[in-house]
N, C-alpha and C. Protein backbone atom coordinates (compact mmCIF):
# COMPACT_ATOMS: atom_id res chain seq x y z
N MET A 1 -4.15 -20.39 -7.50
CA MET A 1 -3.13 -19.38 -7.71
C MET A 1 -3.76 -18.07 -8.17
N ARG A 2 -4.78 -18.16 -9.02
CA ARG A 2 -5.45 -16.97 -9.53
C ARG A 2 -6.09 -16.20 -8.38
N ARG A 3 -6.71 -16.91 -7.43
CA ARG A 3 -7.33 -16.23 -6.28
C ARG A 3 -6.28 -15.50 -5.44
N LEU A 4 -5.13 -16.12 -5.23
CA LEU A 4 -4.07 -15.50 -4.45
C LEU A 4 -3.57 -14.24 -5.14
N THR A 5 -3.43 -14.30 -6.47
CA THR A 5 -2.99 -13.14 -7.23
C THR A 5 -4.00 -12.01 -7.11
N LEU A 6 -5.30 -12.32 -7.26
CA LEU A 6 -6.33 -11.29 -7.13
C LEU A 6 -6.35 -10.72 -5.72
N LEU A 7 -6.17 -11.57 -4.71
CA LEU A 7 -6.13 -11.09 -3.34
C LEU A 7 -4.94 -10.16 -3.16
N SER A 8 -3.78 -10.54 -3.69
CA SER A 8 -2.60 -9.68 -3.58
C SER A 8 -2.84 -8.33 -4.22
N LEU A 9 -3.51 -8.30 -5.35
CA LEU A 9 -3.83 -7.04 -6.01
C LEU A 9 -4.80 -6.21 -5.18
N ALA A 10 -5.79 -6.87 -4.62
CA ALA A 10 -6.74 -6.14 -3.78
C ALA A 10 -6.04 -5.54 -2.58
N ILE A 11 -5.10 -6.28 -2.02
CA ILE A 11 -4.33 -5.77 -0.88
C ILE A 11 -3.46 -4.60 -1.32
N LEU A 12 -2.83 -4.70 -2.50
CA LEU A 12 -2.03 -3.60 -3.01
C LEU A 12 -2.90 -2.36 -3.14
N GLY A 13 -4.09 -2.52 -3.69
CA GLY A 13 -5.01 -1.40 -3.80
C GLY A 13 -5.41 -0.87 -2.44
N GLY A 14 -5.57 -1.79 -1.49
CA GLY A 14 -5.93 -1.38 -0.14
C GLY A 14 -4.82 -0.70 0.60
N CYS A 15 -3.60 -1.02 0.27
CA CYS A 15 -2.45 -0.44 0.95
C CYS A 15 -1.95 0.82 0.28
N ASN A 16 -2.29 0.98 -0.94
CA ASN A 16 -1.67 2.02 -1.74
C ASN A 16 -1.91 3.41 -1.17
N GLY A 17 -1.04 3.79 -0.28
CA GLY A 17 -1.12 5.15 0.22
C GLY A 17 -2.18 5.38 1.26
N SER A 18 -2.98 4.39 1.59
CA SER A 18 -4.03 4.63 2.56
C SER A 18 -3.58 4.17 3.93
N GLY A 19 -4.18 4.73 4.95
CA GLY A 19 -3.83 4.28 6.28
C GLY A 19 -4.02 5.34 7.33
N ARG A 20 -3.88 4.92 8.57
CA ARG A 20 -3.97 5.83 9.70
C ARG A 20 -2.58 6.39 9.93
N SER A 21 -2.53 7.63 10.34
CA SER A 21 -1.22 8.25 10.50
C SER A 21 -0.84 8.46 11.96
N ALA A 22 -1.53 7.85 12.87
CA ALA A 22 -1.27 8.09 14.28
C ALA A 22 0.16 7.74 14.68
N ASN A 23 0.73 6.72 14.08
CA ASN A 23 2.07 6.29 14.48
C ASN A 23 3.15 6.76 13.51
N ALA A 24 2.80 7.63 12.58
CA ALA A 24 3.79 8.08 11.60
C ALA A 24 4.83 8.96 12.29
N HIS A 25 6.04 8.84 11.81
CA HIS A 25 7.10 9.69 12.34
C HIS A 25 8.16 9.91 11.27
N ALA A 26 8.87 10.96 11.42
CA ALA A 26 9.96 11.23 10.47
C ALA A 26 11.09 10.28 10.77
N GLY A 27 11.75 9.87 9.72
CA GLY A 27 12.88 8.98 9.90
C GLY A 27 14.08 9.52 9.15
N GLY A 28 15.07 8.71 9.04
CA GLY A 28 16.25 9.10 8.29
C GLY A 28 17.08 10.09 9.08
N ASN A 29 18.03 10.69 8.38
CA ASN A 29 18.95 11.59 9.05
C ASN A 29 18.69 13.05 8.73
N GLY A 30 17.57 13.35 8.05
CA GLY A 30 17.25 14.74 7.75
C GLY A 30 18.06 15.32 6.61
N VAL A 31 18.71 14.46 5.83
CA VAL A 31 19.53 14.93 4.73
C VAL A 31 18.89 14.53 3.41
N ALA A 32 18.73 15.47 2.52
CA ALA A 32 18.18 15.18 1.21
C ALA A 32 19.16 14.37 0.40
N SER A 33 18.67 13.75 -0.67
CA SER A 33 19.52 12.86 -1.46
C SER A 33 20.73 13.57 -2.05
N GLN A 34 20.67 14.86 -2.32
CA GLN A 34 21.81 15.58 -2.86
C GLN A 34 22.72 16.10 -1.75
N GLY A 35 22.46 15.80 -0.52
CA GLY A 35 23.29 16.23 0.58
C GLY A 35 22.82 17.52 1.24
N ALA A 36 21.83 18.19 0.68
CA ALA A 36 21.32 19.41 1.28
C ALA A 36 20.38 19.04 2.43
N PRO A 37 20.48 19.73 3.55
CA PRO A 37 19.61 19.39 4.67
C PRO A 37 18.15 19.74 4.37
N VAL A 38 17.27 18.94 4.94
CA VAL A 38 15.83 19.19 4.86
C VAL A 38 15.46 19.95 6.13
N SER A 39 14.91 21.12 5.98
CA SER A 39 14.57 21.92 7.16
C SER A 39 13.41 21.28 7.90
N PRO A 40 13.26 21.58 9.18
CA PRO A 40 12.12 21.06 9.94
C PRO A 40 10.78 21.48 9.31
N GLU A 41 10.74 22.68 8.76
CA GLU A 41 9.50 23.16 8.12
C GLU A 41 9.19 22.34 6.86
N GLN A 42 10.24 22.06 6.07
CA GLN A 42 10.05 21.25 4.87
C GLN A 42 9.61 19.83 5.23
N ARG A 43 10.26 19.28 6.25
CA ARG A 43 9.91 17.93 6.71
C ARG A 43 8.44 17.88 7.14
N ALA A 44 8.04 18.86 7.93
CA ALA A 44 6.65 18.90 8.41
C ALA A 44 5.67 19.05 7.24
N ALA A 45 6.03 19.86 6.25
CA ALA A 45 5.15 20.06 5.10
C ALA A 45 4.99 18.77 4.29
N VAL A 46 6.09 18.06 4.08
CA VAL A 46 6.00 16.80 3.33
C VAL A 46 5.18 15.78 4.12
N GLU A 47 5.44 15.64 5.41
CA GLU A 47 4.68 14.69 6.23
C GLU A 47 3.20 15.02 6.22
N ASP A 48 2.86 16.32 6.32
CA ASP A 48 1.46 16.73 6.29
C ASP A 48 0.83 16.36 4.95
N THR A 49 1.56 16.60 3.87
CA THR A 49 1.05 16.25 2.54
C THR A 49 0.80 14.75 2.43
N ILE A 50 1.74 13.94 2.90
CA ILE A 50 1.59 12.49 2.83
C ILE A 50 0.37 12.04 3.64
N ARG A 51 0.18 12.60 4.82
CA ARG A 51 -0.99 12.24 5.64
C ARG A 51 -2.29 12.59 4.93
N LYS A 52 -2.33 13.75 4.27
CA LYS A 52 -3.55 14.15 3.53
C LYS A 52 -3.79 13.21 2.36
N LEU A 53 -2.72 12.85 1.66
CA LEU A 53 -2.87 11.91 0.55
C LEU A 53 -3.30 10.53 1.05
N ASN A 54 -2.84 10.13 2.22
CA ASN A 54 -3.29 8.87 2.82
C ASN A 54 -4.80 8.91 3.06
N ALA A 55 -5.29 10.01 3.61
CA ALA A 55 -6.72 10.14 3.87
C ALA A 55 -7.51 10.09 2.55
N PHE A 56 -7.01 10.77 1.52
CA PHE A 56 -7.64 10.75 0.21
C PHE A 56 -7.70 9.33 -0.32
N SER A 57 -6.58 8.61 -0.23
CA SER A 57 -6.52 7.25 -0.73
C SER A 57 -7.43 6.32 0.05
N MET A 58 -7.46 6.47 1.37
CA MET A 58 -8.31 5.62 2.19
C MET A 58 -9.78 5.83 1.83
N ALA A 59 -10.17 7.07 1.61
CA ALA A 59 -11.55 7.35 1.21
C ALA A 59 -11.85 6.71 -0.15
N ALA A 60 -10.90 6.81 -1.09
CA ALA A 60 -11.08 6.19 -2.41
C ALA A 60 -11.20 4.68 -2.27
N GLN A 61 -10.41 4.10 -1.37
CA GLN A 61 -10.47 2.65 -1.15
C GLN A 61 -11.83 2.24 -0.62
N SER A 62 -12.33 2.96 0.36
CA SER A 62 -13.60 2.57 0.97
C SER A 62 -14.75 2.68 -0.03
N ARG A 63 -14.63 3.60 -0.98
CA ARG A 63 -15.65 3.75 -2.03
C ARG A 63 -15.37 2.84 -3.22
N ARG A 64 -14.19 2.20 -3.22
CA ARG A 64 -13.71 1.42 -4.37
C ARG A 64 -13.70 2.30 -5.62
N ASP A 65 -13.19 3.51 -5.44
CA ASP A 65 -13.12 4.51 -6.50
C ASP A 65 -11.75 4.41 -7.18
N LEU A 66 -11.69 3.59 -8.21
CA LEU A 66 -10.43 3.32 -8.89
C LEU A 66 -9.87 4.57 -9.56
N ASN A 67 -10.74 5.41 -10.13
CA ASN A 67 -10.25 6.62 -10.79
C ASN A 67 -9.57 7.56 -9.80
N ALA A 68 -10.15 7.71 -8.61
CA ALA A 68 -9.52 8.56 -7.60
C ALA A 68 -8.18 7.98 -7.16
N LEU A 69 -8.14 6.68 -6.97
CA LEU A 69 -6.89 6.03 -6.55
C LEU A 69 -5.81 6.20 -7.61
N MET A 70 -6.18 6.07 -8.86
CA MET A 70 -5.20 6.16 -9.94
C MET A 70 -4.65 7.57 -10.11
N GLN A 71 -5.29 8.57 -9.52
CA GLN A 71 -4.73 9.92 -9.53
C GLN A 71 -3.39 9.97 -8.80
N LEU A 72 -3.16 8.99 -7.93
CA LEU A 72 -1.92 8.95 -7.17
C LEU A 72 -0.81 8.20 -7.91
N MET A 73 -1.11 7.70 -9.10
CA MET A 73 -0.11 6.99 -9.90
C MET A 73 0.45 7.96 -10.95
N PRO A 74 1.73 7.83 -11.27
CA PRO A 74 2.31 8.72 -12.28
C PRO A 74 1.84 8.34 -13.68
N ASP A 75 1.93 9.29 -14.59
CA ASP A 75 1.58 9.03 -15.98
C ASP A 75 2.59 8.09 -16.64
N THR A 76 3.85 8.19 -16.22
CA THR A 76 4.91 7.32 -16.74
C THR A 76 5.82 6.92 -15.59
N GLY A 77 6.54 5.82 -15.79
CA GLY A 77 7.54 5.43 -14.81
C GLY A 77 7.01 4.68 -13.61
N LEU A 78 5.87 4.01 -13.74
CA LEU A 78 5.27 3.28 -12.62
C LEU A 78 5.87 1.89 -12.50
N VAL A 79 6.20 1.49 -11.28
CA VAL A 79 6.53 0.11 -10.98
C VAL A 79 5.81 -0.25 -9.69
N ALA A 80 4.88 -1.19 -9.80
CA ALA A 80 4.13 -1.67 -8.64
C ALA A 80 4.29 -3.18 -8.59
N ILE A 81 4.68 -3.70 -7.43
CA ILE A 81 4.91 -5.13 -7.28
C ILE A 81 4.01 -5.66 -6.16
N SER A 82 3.29 -6.74 -6.48
CA SER A 82 2.44 -7.38 -5.49
C SER A 82 2.17 -8.81 -5.93
N GLY A 83 2.24 -9.72 -4.98
CA GLY A 83 1.92 -11.11 -5.27
C GLY A 83 2.77 -11.71 -6.38
N GLY A 84 4.02 -11.27 -6.49
CA GLY A 84 4.90 -11.79 -7.51
C GLY A 84 4.66 -11.21 -8.89
N MET A 85 3.77 -10.24 -9.00
CA MET A 85 3.50 -9.60 -10.28
C MET A 85 4.07 -8.19 -10.28
N MET A 86 4.55 -7.74 -11.45
CA MET A 86 5.07 -6.39 -11.57
C MET A 86 4.28 -5.66 -12.66
N PHE A 87 3.85 -4.46 -12.33
CA PHE A 87 3.12 -3.62 -13.26
C PHE A 87 3.98 -2.40 -13.56
N THR A 88 4.15 -2.12 -14.84
CA THR A 88 5.03 -1.02 -15.22
C THR A 88 4.30 0.11 -15.94
N ASP A 89 2.97 0.06 -15.92
CA ASP A 89 2.21 1.18 -16.46
C ASP A 89 0.86 1.24 -15.75
N ALA A 90 0.28 2.42 -15.73
CA ALA A 90 -0.95 2.65 -14.99
C ALA A 90 -2.11 1.84 -15.55
N ASP A 91 -2.17 1.65 -16.85
CA ASP A 91 -3.29 0.91 -17.44
C ASP A 91 -3.32 -0.54 -16.98
N SER A 92 -2.15 -1.20 -16.94
CA SER A 92 -2.14 -2.60 -16.50
C SER A 92 -2.48 -2.70 -15.01
N LEU A 93 -2.00 -1.76 -14.21
CA LEU A 93 -2.35 -1.77 -12.79
C LEU A 93 -3.84 -1.51 -12.59
N ARG A 94 -4.38 -0.54 -13.31
CA ARG A 94 -5.81 -0.24 -13.23
C ARG A 94 -6.65 -1.47 -13.58
N GLY A 95 -6.30 -2.15 -14.67
CA GLY A 95 -7.05 -3.34 -15.08
C GLY A 95 -6.98 -4.45 -14.04
N ALA A 96 -5.80 -4.67 -13.49
CA ALA A 96 -5.65 -5.73 -12.49
C ALA A 96 -6.42 -5.39 -11.21
N LEU A 97 -6.35 -4.13 -10.78
CA LEU A 97 -7.10 -3.73 -9.58
C LEU A 97 -8.60 -3.83 -9.83
N ARG A 98 -9.06 -3.43 -10.99
CA ARG A 98 -10.49 -3.53 -11.31
C ARG A 98 -10.94 -4.98 -11.23
N GLN A 99 -10.15 -5.87 -11.81
CA GLN A 99 -10.49 -7.28 -11.77
C GLN A 99 -10.51 -7.80 -10.33
N ALA A 100 -9.53 -7.42 -9.54
CA ALA A 100 -9.48 -7.88 -8.15
C ALA A 100 -10.65 -7.33 -7.35
N TRP A 101 -10.96 -6.05 -7.53
CA TRP A 101 -12.01 -5.43 -6.73
C TRP A 101 -13.40 -5.91 -7.11
N THR A 102 -13.56 -6.44 -8.31
CA THR A 102 -14.89 -6.91 -8.73
C THR A 102 -15.05 -8.41 -8.57
N ALA A 103 -14.02 -9.11 -8.12
CA ALA A 103 -14.14 -10.55 -7.88
C ALA A 103 -15.18 -10.78 -6.79
N PRO A 104 -16.20 -11.60 -7.05
CA PRO A 104 -17.28 -11.78 -6.07
C PRO A 104 -16.79 -12.23 -4.70
N TRP A 105 -15.79 -13.06 -4.65
CA TRP A 105 -15.32 -13.57 -3.37
C TRP A 105 -14.48 -12.56 -2.59
N LEU A 106 -14.16 -11.42 -3.22
CA LEU A 106 -13.44 -10.35 -2.52
C LEU A 106 -14.37 -9.20 -2.11
N ARG A 107 -15.66 -9.39 -2.31
CA ARG A 107 -16.62 -8.33 -2.03
C ARG A 107 -16.55 -7.86 -0.58
N ASP A 108 -16.37 -8.79 0.34
CA ASP A 108 -16.37 -8.45 1.77
C ASP A 108 -14.97 -8.30 2.35
N LEU A 109 -14.03 -7.94 1.51
CA LEU A 109 -12.65 -7.73 1.94
C LEU A 109 -12.57 -6.48 2.82
N LYS A 110 -11.93 -6.61 3.97
CA LYS A 110 -11.74 -5.48 4.88
C LYS A 110 -10.25 -5.29 5.10
N VAL A 111 -9.76 -4.08 4.84
CA VAL A 111 -8.35 -3.78 5.00
C VAL A 111 -8.20 -2.66 6.02
N THR A 112 -7.34 -2.88 7.00
CA THR A 112 -7.00 -1.88 7.99
C THR A 112 -5.52 -1.58 7.85
N ASN A 113 -5.19 -0.31 7.66
CA ASN A 113 -3.80 0.09 7.44
C ASN A 113 -3.29 0.94 8.60
N GLU A 114 -2.00 0.86 8.79
CA GLU A 114 -1.35 1.72 9.78
C GLU A 114 -0.08 2.29 9.18
N LEU A 115 -0.03 3.60 9.10
CA LEU A 115 1.15 4.29 8.59
C LEU A 115 2.23 4.17 9.66
N ARG A 116 3.35 3.54 9.31
CA ARG A 116 4.41 3.26 10.27
C ARG A 116 5.56 4.24 10.22
N ARG A 117 5.88 4.72 9.01
CA ARG A 117 7.08 5.52 8.91
C ARG A 117 7.02 6.40 7.66
N ILE A 118 7.45 7.63 7.81
CA ILE A 118 7.64 8.55 6.69
C ILE A 118 9.10 9.00 6.76
N ASP A 119 9.87 8.62 5.77
CA ASP A 119 11.26 9.06 5.66
C ASP A 119 11.32 10.15 4.60
N VAL A 120 11.46 11.39 5.03
CA VAL A 120 11.53 12.51 4.10
C VAL A 120 12.94 12.57 3.53
N LEU A 121 13.05 12.39 2.22
CA LEU A 121 14.35 12.39 1.55
C LEU A 121 14.72 13.78 1.06
N SER A 122 13.72 14.54 0.66
CA SER A 122 13.91 15.89 0.15
C SER A 122 12.56 16.59 0.21
N PRO A 123 12.49 17.86 -0.11
CA PRO A 123 11.17 18.53 -0.12
C PRO A 123 10.22 17.93 -1.16
N ASP A 124 10.75 17.11 -2.08
CA ASP A 124 9.93 16.53 -3.15
C ASP A 124 9.90 15.01 -3.15
N ALA A 125 10.36 14.36 -2.08
CA ALA A 125 10.39 12.90 -2.08
C ALA A 125 10.36 12.35 -0.66
N ALA A 126 9.64 11.25 -0.51
CA ALA A 126 9.58 10.56 0.79
C ALA A 126 9.32 9.08 0.54
N VAL A 127 9.86 8.25 1.43
CA VAL A 127 9.57 6.82 1.42
C VAL A 127 8.62 6.56 2.58
N VAL A 128 7.52 5.87 2.28
CA VAL A 128 6.48 5.61 3.27
C VAL A 128 6.36 4.10 3.45
N THR A 129 6.28 3.68 4.70
CA THR A 129 6.08 2.27 5.02
C THR A 129 4.81 2.14 5.85
N MET A 130 3.97 1.20 5.45
CA MET A 130 2.72 0.92 6.17
C MET A 130 2.58 -0.57 6.38
N THR A 131 1.79 -0.93 7.36
CA THR A 131 1.39 -2.32 7.54
C THR A 131 -0.11 -2.38 7.38
N SER A 132 -0.59 -3.55 7.01
CA SER A 132 -2.03 -3.71 6.87
C SER A 132 -2.45 -5.09 7.34
N THR A 133 -3.68 -5.14 7.77
CA THR A 133 -4.32 -6.40 8.10
C THR A 133 -5.53 -6.51 7.18
N THR A 134 -5.60 -7.60 6.47
CA THR A 134 -6.68 -7.83 5.52
C THR A 134 -7.47 -9.03 6.00
N VAL A 135 -8.78 -8.83 6.14
CA VAL A 135 -9.65 -9.92 6.55
C VAL A 135 -10.59 -10.24 5.38
N LEU A 136 -10.56 -11.47 4.96
CA LEU A 136 -11.39 -11.95 3.87
C LEU A 136 -12.38 -12.93 4.47
N ASP A 137 -13.65 -12.62 4.36
CA ASP A 137 -14.71 -13.49 4.87
C ASP A 137 -15.54 -13.91 3.67
N SER A 138 -15.24 -15.09 3.14
CA SER A 138 -15.88 -15.55 1.91
C SER A 138 -16.40 -16.97 2.12
N ALA A 139 -17.67 -17.15 1.84
CA ALA A 139 -18.30 -18.47 1.91
C ALA A 139 -18.09 -19.12 3.28
N GLY A 140 -18.16 -18.30 4.33
CA GLY A 140 -18.03 -18.82 5.68
C GLY A 140 -16.60 -19.10 6.11
N LEU A 141 -15.64 -18.84 5.26
CA LEU A 141 -14.25 -19.05 5.60
C LEU A 141 -13.59 -17.70 5.83
N LYS A 142 -13.15 -17.48 7.05
CA LYS A 142 -12.53 -16.20 7.40
C LYS A 142 -11.02 -16.38 7.43
N GLN A 143 -10.32 -15.55 6.63
CA GLN A 143 -8.86 -15.61 6.56
C GLN A 143 -8.31 -14.22 6.84
N THR A 144 -7.17 -14.18 7.53
CA THR A 144 -6.52 -12.92 7.84
C THR A 144 -5.12 -12.94 7.24
N PHE A 145 -4.76 -11.83 6.58
CA PHE A 145 -3.45 -11.68 5.96
C PHE A 145 -2.81 -10.41 6.50
N HIS A 146 -1.51 -10.45 6.71
CA HIS A 146 -0.77 -9.28 7.16
C HIS A 146 0.22 -8.91 6.06
N ASN A 147 0.35 -7.61 5.81
CA ASN A 147 1.18 -7.13 4.70
C ASN A 147 2.00 -5.93 5.13
N VAL A 148 3.08 -5.73 4.39
CA VAL A 148 3.89 -4.52 4.52
C VAL A 148 3.90 -3.86 3.15
N TRP A 149 3.64 -2.57 3.12
CA TRP A 149 3.66 -1.80 1.88
C TRP A 149 4.70 -0.71 2.03
N THR A 150 5.57 -0.59 1.01
CA THR A 150 6.55 0.48 0.97
C THR A 150 6.40 1.19 -0.36
N GLY A 151 6.31 2.50 -0.30
CA GLY A 151 6.16 3.28 -1.52
C GLY A 151 7.01 4.53 -1.51
N LEU A 152 7.47 4.90 -2.68
CA LEU A 152 8.19 6.14 -2.87
C LEU A 152 7.20 7.18 -3.38
N TRP A 153 7.03 8.25 -2.63
CA TRP A 153 6.20 9.38 -3.05
C TRP A 153 7.11 10.45 -3.61
N THR A 154 6.75 10.98 -4.77
CA THR A 154 7.53 12.07 -5.35
C THR A 154 6.58 13.18 -5.82
N ASN A 155 7.06 14.39 -5.72
CA ASN A 155 6.32 15.55 -6.19
C ASN A 155 6.79 15.84 -7.61
N ARG A 156 5.91 15.60 -8.56
CA ARG A 156 6.24 15.83 -9.97
C ARG A 156 5.44 17.03 -10.47
N GLY A 157 6.08 18.16 -10.47
CA GLY A 157 5.43 19.37 -10.97
C GLY A 157 4.21 19.78 -10.16
N GLY A 158 4.27 19.60 -8.85
CA GLY A 158 3.16 19.97 -7.99
C GLY A 158 2.16 18.85 -7.73
N ARG A 159 2.35 17.71 -8.35
CA ARG A 159 1.46 16.55 -8.17
C ARG A 159 2.23 15.42 -7.49
N TRP A 160 1.78 15.04 -6.30
CA TRP A 160 2.42 13.95 -5.57
C TRP A 160 1.89 12.62 -6.09
N VAL A 161 2.82 11.73 -6.46
CA VAL A 161 2.47 10.42 -7.00
C VAL A 161 3.37 9.35 -6.39
N VAL A 162 2.98 8.10 -6.60
CA VAL A 162 3.74 6.95 -6.10
C VAL A 162 4.28 6.17 -7.30
N PRO A 163 5.48 6.50 -7.77
CA PRO A 163 6.01 5.80 -8.94
C PRO A 163 6.57 4.42 -8.62
N GLN A 164 6.94 4.16 -7.38
CA GLN A 164 7.51 2.87 -7.00
C GLN A 164 6.82 2.39 -5.73
N GLN A 165 6.34 1.14 -5.76
CA GLN A 165 5.69 0.58 -4.57
C GLN A 165 5.78 -0.93 -4.59
N GLN A 166 5.78 -1.50 -3.39
CA GLN A 166 5.79 -2.95 -3.27
C GLN A 166 4.97 -3.34 -2.05
N SER A 167 4.14 -4.35 -2.24
CA SER A 167 3.36 -4.92 -1.15
C SER A 167 3.80 -6.37 -0.96
N THR A 168 4.14 -6.71 0.28
CA THR A 168 4.61 -8.05 0.59
C THR A 168 3.73 -8.66 1.67
N THR A 169 3.23 -9.85 1.41
CA THR A 169 2.44 -10.56 2.41
C THR A 169 3.39 -11.23 3.39
N ILE A 170 3.12 -11.03 4.66
CA ILE A 170 3.93 -11.64 5.72
C ILE A 170 3.38 -13.04 5.95
N PRO A 171 4.22 -14.07 5.85
CA PRO A 171 3.72 -15.43 6.05
C PRO A 171 3.14 -15.60 7.46
N PRO A 172 2.02 -16.32 7.55
CA PRO A 172 1.44 -16.54 8.88
C PRO A 172 2.36 -17.43 9.71
N GLU A 173 2.32 -17.20 11.00
CA GLU A 173 3.10 -18.06 11.89
C GLU A 173 2.42 -19.43 11.96
N VAL A 174 3.22 -20.45 11.97
CA VAL A 174 2.68 -21.80 12.08
C VAL A 174 2.68 -22.17 13.56
N THR A 175 1.51 -22.49 14.06
CA THR A 175 1.39 -22.89 15.47
C THR A 175 1.39 -24.41 15.54
N PRO A 176 1.67 -24.97 16.72
CA PRO A 176 1.65 -26.43 16.85
C PRO A 176 0.31 -27.03 16.41
N ALA A 177 -0.78 -26.35 16.71
CA ALA A 177 -2.10 -26.87 16.30
C ALA A 177 -2.20 -26.88 14.78
N ASP A 178 -1.68 -25.86 14.13
CA ASP A 178 -1.72 -25.81 12.66
C ASP A 178 -0.91 -26.94 12.05
N SER A 179 0.23 -27.24 12.65
CA SER A 179 1.11 -28.26 12.06
C SER A 179 0.51 -29.66 12.18
N GLN A 180 -0.45 -29.85 13.07
CA GLN A 180 -1.07 -31.16 13.25
C GLN A 180 -2.27 -31.37 12.30
N ARG A 181 -2.77 -30.28 11.74
CA ARG A 181 -3.93 -30.40 10.84
C ARG A 181 -3.54 -31.18 9.60
N GLY A 182 -4.44 -32.02 9.17
CA GLY A 182 -4.23 -32.76 7.95
C GLY A 182 -3.41 -34.03 8.12
N ARG A 183 -2.90 -34.27 9.28
CA ARG A 183 -2.13 -35.49 9.50
C ARG A 183 -3.08 -36.61 9.92
N LYS A 184 -2.82 -37.79 9.40
CA LYS A 184 -3.63 -38.97 9.79
C LYS A 184 -3.09 -39.48 11.10
N LYS A 185 -4.01 -39.88 11.94
CA LYS A 185 -3.61 -40.43 13.24
C LYS A 185 -3.75 -41.92 13.25
């Protein structure tokens, strides 16, 4: 169970705002939460900002630069959920990610992200959805996990942060060959 929790945290760190933006698109109805319309220029500016922050986060991930990644977390009001665990402050998330990233069996973890959707809610808020594929090759055992990450990005005084995020592992499909494993004949 401990390994699964650490893997979930590593995936959360790998998904947190990082990813390719080739398939990103604006969603929603173009109306801000207060009912004021979001102009095309505002929408484009928010989407551009999110894509730049994704690139920043992806670079931090590849370097395993926890301090750079934590710049994207708010000073207060954080809720991050992964692997059945909830973190409500940056220090607890930082500690859990540090532990996950330094676990010897996660050293060769490879995460590939794809930015799927940017829903601009207002000039200062957007909901981002990404998918990721995580490949863990440890002790000759190669495992692949698929995840969905959803995060709320908000502009707090000129600083874009992710105060709310959740990473969910998609259960692997069970194939007929898989269902026969472990059965005595």
